[in-house]
C-alpha atoms as a PDB file:
ATOM      1  CA  MET A   1      28.708  88.498  65.540  1.00  0.00           C
ATOM      2  CA  ALA A   2      26.039  90.547  67.314  1.00  0.00           C
ATOM      3  CA  LYS A   3      27.309  92.896  70.280  1.00  0.00           C
ATOM      4  CA  VAL A   4      25.820  91.641  73.566  1.00  0.00           C
ATOM      5  CA  ASN A   5      25.389  94.189  76.552  1.00  0.00           C
ATOM      6  CA  PRO A   6      27.650  93.450  79.448  1.00  0.00           C
ATOM      7  CA  ALA A   7      24.802  93.072  81.864  1.00  0.00           C
ATOM      8  CA  GLU A   8      23.532  90.427  79.734  1.00  0.00           C
ATOM      9  CA  PHE A   9      26.727  88.791  79.284  1.00  0.00           C
ATOM     10  CA  ALA A  10      27.217  88.502  82.904  1.00  0.00           C
ATOM     11  CA  ARG A  11      23.450  86.999  83.435  1.00  0.00           C
ATOM     12  CA  ASP A  12      24.543  84.203  80.869  1.00  0.00           C
ATOM     13  CA  VAL A  13      27.635  83.657  82.243  1.00  0.00           C
ATOM     14  CA  ARG A  14      26.091  83.227  85.755  1.00  0.00           C
ATOM     15  CA  ARG A  15      23.374  80.832  84.320  1.00  0.00           C
ATOM     16  CA  GLU A  16      26.295  78.539  82.641  1.00  0.00           C
ATOM     17  CA  VAL A  17      28.400  78.748  85.927  1.00  0.00           C
ATOM     18  CA  ALA A  18      25.297  77.321  87.849  1.00  0.00           C
ATOM     19  CA  LYS A  19      25.231  74.428  85.348  1.00  0.00           C
ATOM     20  CA  VAL A  20      28.403  73.240  86.168  1.00  0.00           C
ATOM     21  CA  THR A  21      28.808  70.054  88.624  1.00  0.00           C
ATOM     22  CA  TRP A  22      31.699  71.235  90.970  1.00  0.00           C
ATOM     23  CA  PRO A  23      33.725  68.722  92.465  1.00  0.00           C
ATOM     24  CA  THR A  24      33.352  67.929  96.452  1.00  0.00           C
ATOM     25  CA  ARG A  25      36.374  68.562  98.872  1.00  0.00           C
ATOM     26  CA  LYS A  26      36.897  65.126  99.081  1.00  0.00           C
ATOM     27  CA  GLU A  27      36.961  64.492  95.380  1.00  0.00           C
ATOM     28  CA  THR A  28      39.318  67.329  95.065  1.00  0.00           C
ATOM     29  CA  GLY A  29      41.718  65.987  97.481  1.00  0.00           C
ATOM     30  CA  VAL A  30      41.646  62.166  96.147  1.00  0.00           C
ATOM     31  CA  THR A  31      42.502  63.740  92.774  1.00  0.00           C
ATOM     32  CA  THR A  32      45.363  65.574  93.890  1.00  0.00           C
ATOM     33  CA  ALA A  33      46.582  62.733  96.026  1.00  0.00           C
ATOM     34  CA  MET A  34      46.298  60.679  92.849  1.00  0.00           C
ATOM     35  CA  VAL A  35      48.266  63.328  90.867  1.00  0.00           C
ATOM     36  CA  PHE A  36      51.030  63.084  93.588  1.00  0.00           C
ATOM     37  CA  VAL A  37      51.450  59.480  93.563  1.00  0.00           C
ATOM     38  CA  MET A  38      51.287  59.299  89.697  1.00  0.00           C
ATOM     39  CA  VAL A  39      54.088  61.945  89.433  1.00  0.00           C
ATOM     40  CA  VAL A  40      56.418  59.737  91.944  1.00  0.00           C
ATOM     41  CA  VAL A  41      55.738  56.949  89.951  1.00  0.00           C
ATOM     42  CA  ALA A  42      56.444  58.354  86.680  1.00  0.00           C
ATOM     43  CA  SER A  43      59.814  59.885  88.200  1.00  0.00           C
ATOM     44  CA  LEU A  44      60.872  56.723  89.501  1.00  0.00           C
ATOM     45  CA  PHE A  45      60.421  55.198  86.274  1.00  0.00           C
ATOM     46  CA  PHE A  46      62.277  57.398  84.332  1.00  0.00           C
ATOM     47  CA  LEU A  47      65.303  57.381  87.042  1.00  0.00           C
ATOM     48  CA  VAL A  48      65.207  53.719  86.512  1.00  0.00           C
ATOM     49  CA  VAL A  49      65.087  53.944  82.642  1.00  0.00           C
ATOM     50  CA  ASP A  50      67.776  56.852  82.671  1.00  0.00           C
ATOM     51  CA  GLN A  51      70.105  54.575  84.777  1.00  0.00           C
ATOM     52  CA  VAL A  52      70.023  51.433  82.806  1.00  0.00           C
ATOM     53  CA  LEU A  53      70.516  53.305  79.420  1.00  0.00           C
ATOM     54  CA  ALA A  54      73.527  55.093  80.969  1.00  0.00           C
ATOM     55  CA  PHE A  55      75.040  52.044  81.999  1.00  0.00           C
ATOM     56  CA  ALA A  56      74.343  50.574  78.715  1.00  0.00           C
ATOM     57  CA  VAL A  57      76.103  53.448  77.038  1.00  0.00           C
ATOM     58  CA  ARG A  58      79.154  53.300  79.396  1.00  0.00           C
ATOM     59  CA  MET A  59      79.478  49.628  78.640  1.00  0.00           C
ATOM     60  CA  ILE A  60      79.004  50.190  74.834  1.00  0.00           C
ATOM     61  CA  LEU A  61      81.641  52.811  74.683  1.00  0.00           C
ATOM     62  CA  GLY A  62      83.925  51.037  77.250  1.00  0.00           C
ATOM     63  CA  LEU A  63      83.693  53.913  79.707  1.00  0.00           C
ATOM     64  CA  GLY A  64      83.915  51.426  82.762  1.00  0.00           C
ATOM     65  CA  ALA A  65      81.474  50.996  85.732  1.00  0.00           C
END
């Protein structure tokens, strides 16, 4: 692999960063909100599944409830 001058490397990095399409503040906010909503939905789903499975195991083993 060829050695690259640090200044040339920095210029290349700046050129590549200029090509990136950065999200707007609104897009970032919407995406963040959607992540939080999906975390809550997934948490509730797994809570319900865990409770159902725990109830089933208690009934199978005869531990009451």
